[in-house]
Amino acid sequence: MAFSPKHLILLLVAAVAVCIKLNDAQFIPSGRCLCHNTVWRTSEIITDFQIIQRGPSCDTTQVIVTIENSNNSTVELCLDTQRLLAKAFIKCWNRIKKDDSKKVTCLNKSNMRRAPARVTDIHA
């Protein structure tokens, strides 16, 4: 019993459709990362952060920080995950077991590290 190429293609498409339906799968093409441009540091105070683990929609981990500008508006920036600040956020996030209620621990550490050193005059 020989199948024509037309019948084989139809059978293959039907088999794929059945597999997708049975697994309740959804195809998401790659390239849907939120971070397209990254920075490696910021001088503003970081007020919040978000770690998005790599997954089917994006093949890289993303670190998004919220900063407050001088005019009190907030801006979200993506950090370069190969740099120290982003690595520190990822490490702290894993250490607090991804608990949103403990985020302030990571924020305090990152903002303390970036704060300028204060020089005091000991001869005054």
PDB file of N, CA and C in Angstrom:
ATOM      1  N   MET A   1       0.853  -1.169   0.000  1.00  0.00           N
ATOM      2  CA  MET A   1       0.000   0.000   0.000  1.00  0.00           C
ATOM      3  C   MET A   1       0.902   1.237   0.000  1.00  0.00           C
ATOM      4  N   ALA A   2       0.891   1.979  -1.070  1.00  0.00           N
ATOM      5  CA  ALA A   2       1.739   3.163  -1.213  1.00  0.00           C
ATOM      6  C   ALA A   2       0.892   4.420  -1.025  1.00  0.00           C
ATOM      7  N   PHE A   3       1.481   5.375  -0.301  1.00  0.00           N
ATOM      8  CA  PHE A   3       0.809   6.652  -0.103  1.00  0.00           C
ATOM      9  C   PHE A   3       1.407   7.671  -1.059  1.00  0.00           C
ATOM     10  N   SER A   4       0.579   8.548  -1.549  1.00  0.00           N
ATOM     11  CA  SER A   4       1.090   9.638  -2.382  1.00  0.00           C
ATOM     12  C   SER A   4       1.674  10.707  -1.462  1.00  0.00           C
ATOM     13  N   PRO A   5       2.588  11.545  -1.967  1.00  0.00           N
ATOM     14  CA  PRO A   5       3.161  12.615  -1.133  1.00  0.00           C
ATOM     15  C   PRO A   5       2.096  13.531  -0.535  1.00  0.00           C
ATOM     16  N   LYS A   6       1.036  13.755  -1.261  1.00  0.00           N
ATOM     17  CA  LYS A   6      -0.051  14.606  -0.774  1.00  0.00           C
ATOM     18  C   LYS A   6      -0.693  13.992   0.478  1.00  0.00           C
ATOM     19  N   HIS A   7      -0.903  12.685   0.449  1.00  0.00           N
ATOM     20  CA  HIS A   7      -1.510  12.002   1.589  1.00  0.00           C
ATOM     21  C   HIS A   7      -0.553  11.959   2.789  1.00  0.00           C
ATOM     22  N   LEU A   8       0.742  11.785   2.525  1.00  0.00           N
ATOM     23  CA  LEU A   8       1.725  11.771   3.612  1.00  0.00           C
ATOM     24  C   LEU A   8       1.793  13.116   4.327  1.00  0.00           C
ATOM     25  N   ILE A   9       1.773  14.207   3.563  1.00  0.00           N
ATOM     26  CA  ILE A   9       1.812  15.548   4.162  1.00  0.00           C
ATOM     27  C   ILE A   9       0.557  15.784   4.994  1.00  0.00           C
ATOM     28  N   LEU A  10      -0.583  15.386   4.464  1.00  0.00           N
ATOM     29  CA  LEU A  10      -1.840  15.542   5.203  1.00  0.00           C
ATOM     30  C   LEU A  10      -1.829  14.731   6.500  1.00  0.00           C
ATOM     31  N   LEU A  11      -1.298  13.520   6.429  1.00  0.00           N
ATOM     32  CA  LEU A  11      -1.194  12.674   7.615  1.00  0.00           C
ATOM     33  C   LEU A  11      -0.237  13.286   8.644  1.00  0.00           C
ATOM     34  N   LEU A  12       0.880  13.841   8.169  1.00  0.00           N
ATOM     35  CA  LEU A  12       1.856  14.474   9.068  1.00  0.00           C
ATOM     36  C   LEU A  12       1.252  15.701   9.761  1.00  0.00           C
ATOM     37  N   VAL A  13       0.553  16.525   9.020  1.00  0.00           N
ATOM     38  CA  VAL A  13      -0.083  17.715   9.606  1.00  0.00           C
ATOM     39  C   VAL A  13      -1.123  17.308  10.643  1.00  0.00           C
ATOM     40  N   ALA A  14      -1.900  16.290  10.338  1.00  0.00           N
ATOM     41  CA  ALA A  14      -2.906  15.808  11.283  1.00  0.00           C
ATOM     42  C   ALA A  14      -2.252  15.263  12.548  1.00  0.00           C
ATOM     43  N   ALA A  15      -1.146  14.542  12.401  1.00  0.00           N
ATOM     44  CA  ALA A  15      -0.450  13.989  13.562  1.00  0.00           C
ATOM     45  C   ALA A  15       0.108  15.104  14.446  1.00  0.00           C
ATOM     46  N   VAL A  16       0.688  16.130  13.846  1.00  0.00           N
ATOM     47  CA  VAL A  16       1.218  17.264  14.615  1.00  0.00           C
ATOM     48  C   VAL A  16       0.083  17.977  15.344  1.00  0.00           C
ATOM     49  N   ALA A  17      -1.036  18.191  14.680  1.00  0.00           N
ATOM     50  CA  ALA A  17      -2.181  18.864  15.306  1.00  0.00           C
ATOM     51  C   ALA A  17      -2.698  18.072  16.498  1.00  0.00           C
ATOM     52  N   VAL A  18      -2.762  16.752  16.352  1.00  0.00           N
ATOM     53  CA  VAL A  18      -3.216  15.915  17.460  1.00  0.00           C
ATOM     54  C   VAL A  18      -2.238  15.989  18.624  1.00  0.00           C
ATOM     55  N   CYS A  19      -0.937  15.957  18.345  1.00  0.00           N
ATOM     56  CA  CYS A  19       0.066  16.038  19.417  1.00  0.00           C
ATOM     57  C   CYS A  19      -0.021  17.365  20.163  1.00  0.00           C
ATOM     58  N   ILE A  20      -0.184  18.441  19.434  1.00  0.00           N
ATOM     59  CA  ILE A  20      -0.290  19.757  20.069  1.00  0.00           C
ATOM     60  C   ILE A  20      -1.543  19.822  20.934  1.00  0.00           C
ATOM     61  N   LYS A  21      -2.636  19.318  20.429  1.00  0.00           N
ATOM     62  CA  LYS A  21      -3.892  19.339  21.189  1.00  0.00           C
ATOM     63  C   LYS A  21      -3.793  18.480  22.447  1.00  0.00           C
ATOM     64  N   LEU A  22      -3.184  17.299  22.318  1.00  0.00           N
ATOM     65  CA  LEU A  22      -3.057  16.411  23.478  1.00  0.00           C
ATOM     66  C   LEU A  22      -2.154  16.995  24.556  1.00  0.00           C
ATOM     67  N   ASN A  23      -1.096  17.671  24.157  1.00  0.00           N
ATOM     68  CA  ASN A  23      -0.157  18.240  25.120  1.00  0.00           C
ATOM     69  C   ASN A  23      -0.533  19.639  25.552  1.00  0.00           C
ATOM     70  N   ASP A  24      -1.587  20.179  24.964  1.00  0.00           N
ATOM     71  CA  ASP A  24      -2.020  21.547  25.250  1.00  0.00           C
ATOM     72  C   ASP A  24      -0.849  22.504  25.111  1.00  0.00           C
ATOM     73  N   ALA A  25      -0.061  22.269  24.080  1.00  0.00           N
ATOM     74  CA  ALA A  25       1.156  23.048  23.849  1.00  0.00           C
ATOM     75  C   ALA A  25       0.844  24.291  23.035  1.00  0.00           C
ATOM     76  N   GLN A  26       1.722  25.254  23.167  1.00  0.00           N
ATOM     77  CA  GLN A  26       1.591  26.477  22.405  1.00  0.00           C
ATOM     78  C   GLN A  26       2.960  26.820  21.850  1.00  0.00           C
ATOM     79  N   PHE A  27       3.039  27.068  20.568  1.00  0.00           N
ATOM     80  CA  PHE A  27       4.306  27.424  19.949  1.00  0.00           C
ATOM     81  C   PHE A  27       4.515  28.920  20.083  1.00  0.00           C
ATOM     82  N   ILE A  28       5.625  29.298  20.685  1.00  0.00           N
ATOM     83  CA  ILE A  28       5.980  30.706  20.818  1.00  0.00           C
ATOM     84  C   ILE A  28       7.336  30.884  20.154  1.00  0.00           C
ATOM     85  N   PRO A  29       7.399  31.632  19.088  1.00  0.00           N
ATOM     86  CA  PRO A  29       8.692  31.800  18.433  1.00  0.00           C
ATOM     87  C   PRO A  29       9.667  32.540  19.335  1.00  0.00           C
ATOM     88  N   SER A  30      10.959  32.210  19.206  1.00  0.00           N
ATOM     89  CA  SER A  30      11.957  32.868  20.045  1.00  0.00           C
ATOM     90  C   SER A  30      12.095  34.327  19.631  1.00  0.00           C
ATOM     91  N   GLY A  31      12.731  35.100  20.471  1.00  0.00           N
ATOM     92  CA  GLY A  31      12.902  36.505  20.169  1.00  0.00           C
ATOM     93  C   GLY A  31      11.883  37.389  20.846  1.00  0.00           C
ATOM     94  N   ARG A  32      11.151  36.873  21.816  1.00  0.00           N
ATOM     95  CA  ARG A  32      10.165  37.684  22.517  1.00  0.00           C
ATOM     96  C   ARG A  32      10.689  38.147  23.868  1.00  0.00           C
ATOM     97  N   CYS A  33      11.947  38.403  23.925  1.00  0.00           N
ATOM     98  CA  CYS A  33      12.542  38.907  25.163  1.00  0.00           C
ATOM     99  C   CYS A  33      12.076  40.345  25.391  1.00  0.00           C
ATOM    100  N   LEU A  34      11.945  40.719  26.649  1.00  0.00           N
ATOM    101  CA  LEU A  34      11.572  42.092  26.976  1.00  0.00           C
ATOM    102  C   LEU A  34      12.767  43.031  26.869  1.00  0.00           C
ATOM    103  N   CYS A  35      13.956  42.499  27.106  1.00  0.00           N
ATOM    104  CA  CYS A  35      15.162  43.322  27.108  1.00  0.00           C
ATOM    105  C   CYS A  35      15.880  43.225  25.769  1.00  0.00           C
ATOM    106  N   HIS A  36      15.876  44.328  25.043  1.00  0.00           N
ATOM    107  CA  HIS A  36      16.604  44.380  23.785  1.00  0.00           C
ATOM    108  C   HIS A  36      17.858  45.226  23.946  1.00  0.00           C
ATOM    109  N   ASN A  37      17.774  46.280  24.745  1.00  0.00           N
ATOM    110  CA  ASN A  37      18.924  47.129  25.046  1.00  0.00           C
ATOM    111  C   ASN A  37      19.205  47.018  26.537  1.00  0.00           C
ATOM    112  N   THR A  38      20.474  46.848  26.878  1.00  0.00           N
ATOM    113  CA  THR A  38      20.830  46.703  28.288  1.00  0.00           C
ATOM    114  C   THR A  38      21.857  47.751  28.690  1.00  0.00           C
ATOM    115  N   VAL A  39      21.877  48.036  29.979  1.00  0.00           N
ATOM    116  CA  VAL A  39      22.902  48.893  30.576  1.00  0.00           C
ATOM    117  C   VAL A  39      23.636  48.061  31.608  1.00  0.00           C
ATOM    118  N   TRP A  40      24.844  48.460  31.949  1.00  0.00           N
ATOM    119  CA  TRP A  40      25.571  47.654  32.930  1.00  0.00           C
ATOM    120  C   TRP A  40      25.553  48.267  34.314  1.00  0.00           C
ATOM    121  N   ARG A  41      25.126  49.535  34.422  1.00  0.00           N
ATOM    122  CA  ARG A  41      24.988  50.152  35.739  1.00  0.00           C
ATOM    123  C   ARG A  41      24.095  51.376  35.615  1.00  0.00           C
ATOM    124  N   THR A  42      23.699  51.894  36.758  1.00  0.00           N
ATOM    125  CA  THR A  42      22.919  53.121  36.798  1.00  0.00           C
ATOM    126  C   THR A  42      23.317  53.902  38.042  1.00  0.00           C
ATOM    127  N   SER A  43      23.282  55.215  37.936  1.00  0.00           N
ATOM    128  CA  SER A  43      23.638  56.029  39.104  1.00  0.00           C
ATOM    129  C   SER A  43      22.414  56.386  39.938  1.00  0.00           C
ATOM    130  N   GLU A  44      21.224  56.141  39.398  1.00  0.00           N
ATOM    131  CA  GLU A  44      20.002  56.423  40.141  1.00  0.00           C
ATOM    132  C   GLU A  44      19.725  55.313  41.154  1.00  0.00           C
ATOM    133  N   ILE A  45      18.862  55.623  42.100  1.00  0.00           N
ATOM    134  CA  ILE A  45      18.497  54.641  43.122  1.00  0.00           C
ATOM    135  C   ILE A  45      17.506  53.650  42.532  1.00  0.00           C
ATOM    136  N   ILE A  46      17.793  52.380  42.709  1.00  0.00           N
ATOM    137  CA  ILE A  46      16.918  51.323  42.225  1.00  0.00           C
ATOM    138  C   ILE A  46      15.826  51.092  43.257  1.00  0.00           C
ATOM    139  N   THR A  47      14.561  51.213  42.812  1.00  0.00           N
ATOM    140  CA  THR A  47      13.435  51.073  43.736  1.00  0.00           C
ATOM    141  C   THR A  47      12.765  49.703  43.654  1.00  0.00           C
ATOM    142  N   ASP A  48      12.984  48.984  42.560  1.00  0.00           N
ATOM    143  CA  ASP A  48      12.393  47.654  42.413  1.00  0.00           C
ATOM    144  C   ASP A  48      13.177  46.901  41.348  1.00  0.00           C
ATOM    145  N   PHE A  49      13.010  45.599  41.319  1.00  0.00           N
ATOM    146  CA  PHE A  49      13.650  44.800  40.284  1.00  0.00           C
ATOM    147  C   PHE A  49      12.797  43.587  39.988  1.00  0.00           C
ATOM    148  N   GLN A  50      13.071  42.998  38.853  1.00  0.00           N
ATOM    149  CA  GLN A  50      12.345  41.816  38.417  1.00  0.00           C
ATOM    150  C   GLN A  50      13.340  40.908  37.696  1.00  0.00           C
ATOM    151  N   ILE A  51      13.332  39.634  38.048  1.00  0.00           N
ATOM    152  CA  ILE A  51      14.161  38.645  37.380  1.00  0.00           C
ATOM    153  C   ILE A  51      13.236  37.756  36.565  1.00  0.00           C
ATOM    154  N   ILE A  52      13.482  37.687  35.271  1.00  0.00           N
ATOM    155  CA  ILE A  52      12.698  36.818  34.402  1.00  0.00           C
ATOM    156  C   ILE A  52      13.632  35.716  33.916  1.00  0.00           C
ATOM    157  N   GLN A  53      13.369  34.510  34.379  1.00  0.00           N
ATOM    158  CA  GLN A  53      14.205  33.374  34.008  1.00  0.00           C
ATOM    159  C   GLN A  53      14.010  33.043  32.530  1.00  0.00           C
ATOM    160  N   ARG A  54      15.027  32.464  31.941  1.00  0.00           N
ATOM    161  CA  ARG A  54      14.898  32.068  30.541  1.00  0.00           C
ATOM    162  C   ARG A  54      13.829  30.999  30.417  1.00  0.00           C
ATOM    163  N   GLY A  55      13.170  31.000  29.291  1.00  0.00           N
ATOM    164  CA  GLY A  55      12.089  30.055  29.077  1.00  0.00           C
ATOM    165  C   GLY A  55      11.808  29.888  27.596  1.00  0.00           C
ATOM    166  N   PRO A  56      10.635  29.374  27.267  1.00  0.00           N
ATOM    167  CA  PRO A  56      10.337  29.118  25.859  1.00  0.00           C
ATOM    168  C   PRO A  56      10.225  30.381  25.012  1.00  0.00           C
ATOM    169  N   SER A  57       9.880  31.504  25.628  1.00  0.00           N
ATOM    170  CA  SER A  57       9.729  32.726  24.840  1.00  0.00           C
ATOM    171  C   SER A  57      11.016  33.538  24.731  1.00  0.00           C
ATOM    172  N   CYS A  58      11.975  33.293  25.616  1.00  0.00           N
ATOM    173  CA  CYS A  58      13.249  34.022  25.584  1.00  0.00           C
ATOM    174  C   CYS A  58      14.325  33.112  26.153  1.00  0.00           C
ATOM    175  N   ASP A  59      15.434  32.998  25.448  1.00  0.00           N
ATOM    176  CA  ASP A  59      16.453  32.039  25.863  1.00  0.00           C
ATOM    177  C   ASP A  59      17.515  32.623  26.787  1.00  0.00           C
ATOM    178  N   THR A  60      17.284  33.821  27.327  1.00  0.00           N
ATOM    179  CA  THR A  60      18.218  34.405  28.279  1.00  0.00           C
ATOM    180  C   THR A  60      17.480  34.875  29.531  1.00  0.00           C
ATOM    181  N   THR A  61      18.194  34.878  30.650  1.00  0.00           N
ATOM    182  CA  THR A  61      17.648  35.451  31.876  1.00  0.00           C
ATOM    183  C   THR A  61      17.669  36.968  31.724  1.00  0.00           C
ATOM    184  N   GLN A  62      16.625  37.636  32.201  1.00  0.00           N
ATOM    185  CA  GLN A  62      16.530  39.087  32.092  1.00  0.00           C
ATOM    186  C   GLN A  62      16.411  39.703  33.480  1.00  0.00           C
ATOM    187  N   VAL A  63      17.143  40.786  33.701  1.00  0.00           N
ATOM    188  CA  VAL A  63      17.075  41.529  34.960  1.00  0.00           C
ATOM    189  C   VAL A  63      16.585  42.931  34.619  1.00  0.00           C
ATOM    190  N   ILE A  64      15.403  43.266  35.130  1.00  0.00           N
ATOM    191  CA  ILE A  64      14.799  44.568  34.865  1.00  0.00           C
ATOM    192  C   ILE A  64      14.710  45.322  36.180  1.00  0.00           C
ATOM    193  N   VAL A  65      15.316  46.510  36.228  1.00  0.00           N
ATOM    194  CA  VAL A  65      15.277  47.324  37.433  1.00  0.00           C
ATOM    195  C   VAL A  65      14.424  48.556  37.190  1.00  0.00           C
ATOM    196  N   THR A  66      13.776  49.012  38.250  1.00  0.00           N
ATOM    197  CA  THR A  66      12.997  50.247  38.203  1.00  0.00           C
ATOM    198  C   THR A  66      13.783  51.303  38.957  1.00  0.00           C
ATOM    199  N   ILE A  67      13.986  52.433  38.306  1.00  0.00           N
ATOM    200  CA  ILE A  67      14.711  53.542  38.949  1.00  0.00           C
ATOM    201  C   ILE A  67      13.800  54.752  39.011  1.00  0.00           C
ATOM    202  N   GLU A  68      14.114  55.632  39.944  1.00  0.00           N
ATOM    203  CA  GLU A  68      13.358  56.874  40.078  1.00  0.00           C
ATOM    204  C   GLU A  68      14.244  58.018  39.607  1.00  0.00           C
ATOM    205  N   ASN A  69      13.752  58.765  38.620  1.00  0.00           N
ATOM    206  CA  ASN A  69      14.495  59.902  38.085  1.00  0.00           C
ATOM    207  C   ASN A  69      14.434  61.090  39.021  1.00  0.00           C
ATOM    208  N   SER A  70      15.171  62.118  38.676  1.00  0.00           N
ATOM    209  CA  SER A  70      15.175  63.333  39.489  1.00  0.00           C
ATOM    210  C   SER A  70      13.817  64.036  39.480  1.00  0.00           C
ATOM    211  N   ASN A  71      12.996  63.809  38.444  1.00  0.00           N
ATOM    212  CA  ASN A  71      11.666  64.421  38.386  1.00  0.00           C
ATOM    213  C   ASN A  71      10.587  63.501  38.963  1.00  0.00           C
ATOM    214  N   ASN A  72      10.995  62.518  39.775  1.00  0.00           N
ATOM    215  CA  ASN A  72      10.115  61.579  40.487  1.00  0.00           C
ATOM    216  C   ASN A  72       9.310  60.651  39.563  1.00  0.00           C
ATOM    217  N   SER A  73       9.720  60.509  38.315  1.00  0.00           N
ATOM    218  CA  SER A  73       9.081  59.521  37.446  1.00  0.00           C
ATOM    219  C   SER A  73       9.919  58.239  37.493  1.00  0.00           C
ATOM    220  N   THR A  74       9.277  57.125  37.226  1.00  0.00           N
ATOM    221  CA  THR A  74       9.996  55.854  37.257  1.00  0.00           C
ATOM    222  C   THR A  74      10.267  55.368  35.841  1.00  0.00           C
ATOM    223  N   VAL A  75      11.396  54.691  35.698  1.00  0.00           N
ATOM    224  CA  VAL A  75      11.829  54.149  34.414  1.00  0.00           C
ATOM    225  C   VAL A  75      12.329  52.739  34.656  1.00  0.00           C
ATOM    226  N   GLU A  76      12.036  51.840  33.732  1.00  0.00           N
ATOM    227  CA  GLU A  76      12.561  50.483  33.824  1.00  0.00           C
ATOM    228  C   GLU A  76      13.748  50.340  32.884  1.00  0.00           C
ATOM    229  N   LEU A  77      14.815  49.753  33.400  1.00  0.00           N
ATOM    230  CA  LEU A  77      16.019  49.504  32.619  1.00  0.00           C
ATOM    231  C   LEU A  77      16.365  48.030  32.686  1.00  0.00           C
ATOM    232  N   CYS A  78      16.906  47.520  31.615  1.00  0.00           N
ATOM    233  CA  CYS A  78      17.382  46.141  31.591  1.00  0.00           C
ATOM    234  C   CYS A  78      18.874  46.140  31.857  1.00  0.00           C
ATOM    235  N   LEU A  79      19.284  45.302  32.800  1.00  0.00           N
ATOM    236  CA  LEU A  79      20.703  45.195  33.122  1.00  0.00           C
ATOM    237  C   LEU A  79      21.356  44.097  32.301  1.00  0.00           C
ATOM    238  N   ASP A  80      22.610  44.317  31.941  1.00  0.00           N
ATOM    239  CA  ASP A  80      23.400  43.310  31.248  1.00  0.00           C
ATOM    240  C   ASP A  80      23.716  42.200  32.248  1.00  0.00           C
ATOM    241  N   THR A  81      23.243  40.999  31.979  1.00  0.00           N
ATOM    242  CA  THR A  81      23.377  39.897  32.940  1.00  0.00           C
ATOM    243  C   THR A  81      24.802  39.382  33.059  1.00  0.00           C
ATOM    244  N   GLN A  82      25.705  39.866  32.230  1.00  0.00           N
ATOM    245  CA  GLN A  82      27.112  39.463  32.333  1.00  0.00           C
ATOM    246  C   GLN A  82      27.889  40.392  33.262  1.00  0.00           C
ATOM    247  N   ARG A  83      27.259  41.441  33.732  1.00  0.00           N
ATOM    248  CA  ARG A  83      27.927  42.430  34.591  1.00  0.00           C
ATOM    249  C   ARG A  83      27.620  42.183  36.069  1.00  0.00           C
ATOM    250  N   LEU A  84      28.416  42.803  36.904  1.00  0.00           N
ATOM    251  CA  LEU A  84      28.388  42.568  38.344  1.00  0.00           C
ATOM    252  C   LEU A  84      27.038  42.897  38.998  1.00  0.00           C
ATOM    253  N   LEU A  85      26.440  44.021  38.660  1.00  0.00           N
ATOM    254  CA  LEU A  85      25.192  44.421  39.320  1.00  0.00           C
ATOM    255  C   LEU A  85      24.067  43.425  39.040  1.00  0.00           C
ATOM    256  N   ALA A  86      23.923  43.023  37.791  1.00  0.00           N
ATOM    257  CA  ALA A  86      22.880  42.047  37.451  1.00  0.00           C
ATOM    258  C   ALA A  86      23.151  40.705  38.115  1.00  0.00           C
ATOM    259  N   LYS A  87      24.402  40.291  38.130  1.00  0.00           N
ATOM    260  CA  LYS A  87      24.756  39.018  38.776  1.00  0.00           C
ATOM    261  C   LYS A  87      24.452  39.070  40.264  1.00  0.00           C
ATOM    262  N   ALA A  88      24.669  40.236  40.885  1.00  0.00           N
ATOM    263  CA  ALA A  88      24.374  40.385  42.308  1.00  0.00           C
ATOM    264  C   ALA A  88      22.866  40.262  42.562  1.00  0.00           C
ATOM    265  N   PHE A  89      22.056  40.859  41.699  1.00  0.00           N
ATOM    266  CA  PHE A  89      20.602  40.732  41.844  1.00  0.00           C
ATOM    267  C   PHE A  89      20.163  39.283  41.679  1.00  0.00           C
ATOM    268  N   ILE A  90      20.691  38.599  40.685  1.00  0.00           N
ATOM    269  CA  ILE A  90      20.313  37.199  40.451  1.00  0.00           C
ATOM    270  C   ILE A  90      20.716  36.336  41.644  1.00  0.00           C
ATOM    271  N   LYS A  91      21.924  36.555  42.145  1.00  0.00           N
ATOM    272  CA  LYS A  91      22.402  35.773  43.295  1.00  0.00           C
ATOM    273  C   LYS A  91      21.544  36.038  44.531  1.00  0.00           C
ATOM    274  N   CYS A  92      21.217  37.300  44.777  1.00  0.00           N
ATOM    275  CA  CYS A  92      20.393  37.639  45.939  1.00  0.00           C
ATOM    276  C   CYS A  92      18.987  37.074  45.769  1.00  0.00           C
ATOM    277  N   TRP A  93      18.427  37.159  44.574  1.00  0.00           N
ATOM    278  CA  TRP A  93      17.088  36.640  44.292  1.00  0.00           C
ATOM    279  C   TRP A  93      17.021  35.140  44.571  1.00  0.00           C
ATOM    280  N   ASN A  94      18.052  34.430  44.163  1.00  0.00           N
ATOM    281  CA  ASN A  94      18.096  32.985  44.433  1.00  0.00           C
ATOM    282  C   ASN A  94      18.292  32.717  45.927  1.00  0.00           C
ATOM    283  N   ARG A  95      19.080  33.564  46.597  1.00  0.00           N
ATOM    284  CA  ARG A  95      19.340  33.381  48.023  1.00  0.00           C
ATOM    285  C   ARG A  95      18.071  33.593  48.859  1.00  0.00           C
ATOM    286  N   ILE A  96      17.222  34.538  48.458  1.00  0.00           N
ATOM    287  CA  ILE A  96      15.974  34.768  49.205  1.00  0.00           C
ATOM    288  C   ILE A  96      14.857  33.853  48.702  1.00  0.00           C
ATOM    289  N   LYS A  97      15.229  32.885  47.886  1.00  0.00           N
ATOM    290  CA  LYS A  97      14.308  31.861  47.375  1.00  0.00           C
ATOM    291  C   LYS A  97      13.140  32.466  46.593  1.00  0.00           C
ATOM    292  N   LYS A  98      13.448  33.524  45.836  1.00  0.00           N
ATOM    293  CA  LYS A  98      12.487  34.170  44.925  1.00  0.00           C
ATOM    294  C   LYS A  98      11.229  34.650  45.647  1.00  0.00           C
ATOM    295  N   ASP A  99      11.398  35.114  46.874  1.00  0.00           N
ATOM    296  CA  ASP A  99      10.298  35.600  47.697  1.00  0.00           C
ATOM    297  C   ASP A  99      10.167  37.118  47.527  1.00  0.00           C
ATOM    298  N   ASP A 100       9.057  37.556  46.890  1.00  0.00           N
ATOM    299  CA  ASP A 100       8.850  38.983  46.648  1.00  0.00           C
ATOM    300  C   ASP A 100       8.860  39.818  47.928  1.00  0.00           C
ATOM    301  N   SER A 101       8.428  39.238  49.033  1.00  0.00           N
ATOM    302  CA  SER A 101       8.377  40.005  50.281  1.00  0.00           C
ATOM    303  C   SER A 101       9.765  40.306  50.830  1.00  0.00           C
ATOM    304  N   LYS A 102      10.781  39.609  50.349  1.00  0.00           N
ATOM    305  CA  LYS A 102      12.149  39.842  50.819  1.00  0.00           C
ATOM    306  C   LYS A 102      12.995  40.614  49.809  1.00  0.00           C
ATOM    307  N   LYS A 103      12.369  41.169  48.785  1.00  0.00           N
ATOM    308  CA  LYS A 103      13.100  41.912  47.749  1.00  0.00           C
ATOM    309  C   LYS A 103      13.897  43.074  48.315  1.00  0.00           C
ATOM    310  N   VAL A 104      13.379  43.688  49.364  1.00  0.00           N
ATOM    311  CA  VAL A 104      14.028  44.860  49.936  1.00  0.00           C
ATOM    312  C   VAL A 104      15.458  44.543  50.380  1.00  0.00           C
ATOM    313  N   THR A 105      15.713  43.300  50.754  1.00  0.00           N
ATOM    314  CA  THR A 105      17.064  42.887  51.130  1.00  0.00           C
ATOM    315  C   THR A 105      18.017  43.094  49.962  1.00  0.00           C
ATOM    316  N   CYS A 106      17.616  42.663  48.785  1.00  0.00           N
ATOM    317  CA  CYS A 106      18.459  42.802  47.597  1.00  0.00           C
ATOM    318  C   CYS A 106      18.580  44.265  47.181  1.00  0.00           C
ATOM    319  N   LEU A 107      17.502  45.014  47.326  1.00  0.00           N
ATOM    320  CA  LEU A 107      17.537  46.423  46.945  1.00  0.00           C
ATOM    321  C   LEU A 107      18.465  47.220  47.843  1.00  0.00           C
ATOM    322  N   ASN A 108      18.422  46.972  49.144  1.00  0.00           N
ATOM    323  CA  ASN A 108      19.293  47.692  50.066  1.00  0.00           C
ATOM    324  C   ASN A 108      20.755  47.419  49.769  1.00  0.00           C
ATOM    325  N   LYS A 109      21.093  46.185  49.477  1.00  0.00           N
ATOM    326  CA  LYS A 109      22.481  45.837  49.186  1.00  0.00           C
ATOM    327  C   LYS A 109      22.958  46.496  47.901  1.00  0.00           C
ATOM    328  N   SER A 110      22.116  46.516  46.871  1.00  0.00           N
ATOM    329  CA  SER A 110      22.550  47.102  45.596  1.00  0.00           C
ATOM    330  C   SER A 110      22.701  48.610  45.711  1.00  0.00           C
ATOM    331  N   ASN A 111      21.810  49.260  46.433  1.00  0.00           N
ATOM    332  CA  ASN A 111      21.890  50.712  46.568  1.00  0.00           C
ATOM    333  C   ASN A 111      23.025  51.129  47.488  1.00  0.00           C
ATOM    334  N   MET A 112      23.340  50.328  48.490  1.00  0.00           N
ATOM    335  CA  MET A 112      24.457  50.636  49.387  1.00  0.00           C
ATOM    336  C   MET A 112      25.781  50.540  48.627  1.00  0.00           C
ATOM    337  N   ARG A 113      25.883  49.561  47.736  1.00  0.00           N
ATOM    338  CA  ARG A 113      27.123  49.343  47.004  1.00  0.00           C
ATOM    339  C   ARG A 113      27.421  50.515  46.083  1.00  0.00           C
ATOM    340  N   ARG A 114      26.368  51.144  45.547  1.00  0.00           N
ATOM    341  CA  ARG A 114      26.565  52.207  44.577  1.00  0.00           C
ATOM    342  C   ARG A 114      26.645  53.584  45.224  1.00  0.00           C
ATOM    343  N   ALA A 115      26.359  53.685  46.495  1.00  0.00           N
ATOM    344  CA  ALA A 115      26.352  54.988  47.143  1.00  0.00           C
ATOM    345  C   ALA A 115      27.763  55.540  47.200  1.00  0.00           C
ATOM    346  N   PRO A 116      27.924  56.833  46.959  1.00  0.00           N
ATOM    347  CA  PRO A 116      29.271  57.416  47.011  1.00  0.00           C
ATOM    348  C   PRO A 116      29.806  57.403  48.444  1.00  0.00           C
ATOM    349  N   ALA A 117      31.084  57.246  48.548  1.00  0.00           N
ATOM    350  CA  ALA A 117      31.724  57.235  49.870  1.00  0.00           C
ATOM    351  C   ALA A 117      31.671  58.643  50.449  1.00  0.00           C
ATOM    352  N   ARG A 118      31.412  58.728  51.727  1.00  0.00           N
ATOM    353  CA  ARG A 118      31.363  60.030  52.388  1.00  0.00           C
ATOM    354  C   ARG A 118      32.714  60.309  53.037  1.00  0.00           C
ATOM    355  N   VAL A 119      33.209  61.457  52.770  1.00  0.00           N
ATOM    356  CA  VAL A 119      34.494  61.849  53.341  1.00  0.00           C
ATOM    357  C   VAL A 119      34.214  62.838  54.469  1.00  0.00           C
ATOM    358  N   THR A 120      34.732  62.531  55.632  1.00  0.00           N
ATOM    359  CA  THR A 120      34.539  63.449  56.760  1.00  0.00           C
ATOM    360  C   THR A 120      35.895  63.993  57.173  1.00  0.00           C
ATOM    361  N   ASP A 121      35.876  65.217  57.625  1.00  0.00           N
ATOM    362  CA  ASP A 121      37.112  65.868  58.056  1.00  0.00           C
ATOM    363  C   ASP A 121      37.322  65.566  59.540  1.00  0.00           C
ATOM    364  N   ILE A 122      38.329  64.780  59.865  1.00  0.00           N
ATOM    365  CA  ILE A 122      38.542  64.399  61.256  1.00  0.00           C
ATOM    366  C   ILE A 122      39.322  65.444  62.040  1.00  0.00           C
ATOM    367  N   HIS A 123      39.825  66.496  61.324  1.00  0.00           N
ATOM    368  CA  HIS A 123      40.601  67.538  62.001  1.00  0.00           C
ATOM    369  C   HIS A 123      39.765  68.766  62.371  1.00  0.00           C
ATOM    370  N   ALA A 124      38.474  68.703  62.149  1.00  0.00           N
ATOM    371  CA  ALA A 124      37.644  69.887  62.388  1.00  0.00           C
ATOM    372  C   ALA A 124      37.373  70.108  63.840  1.00  0.00           C
TER     373      ALA A 124
END
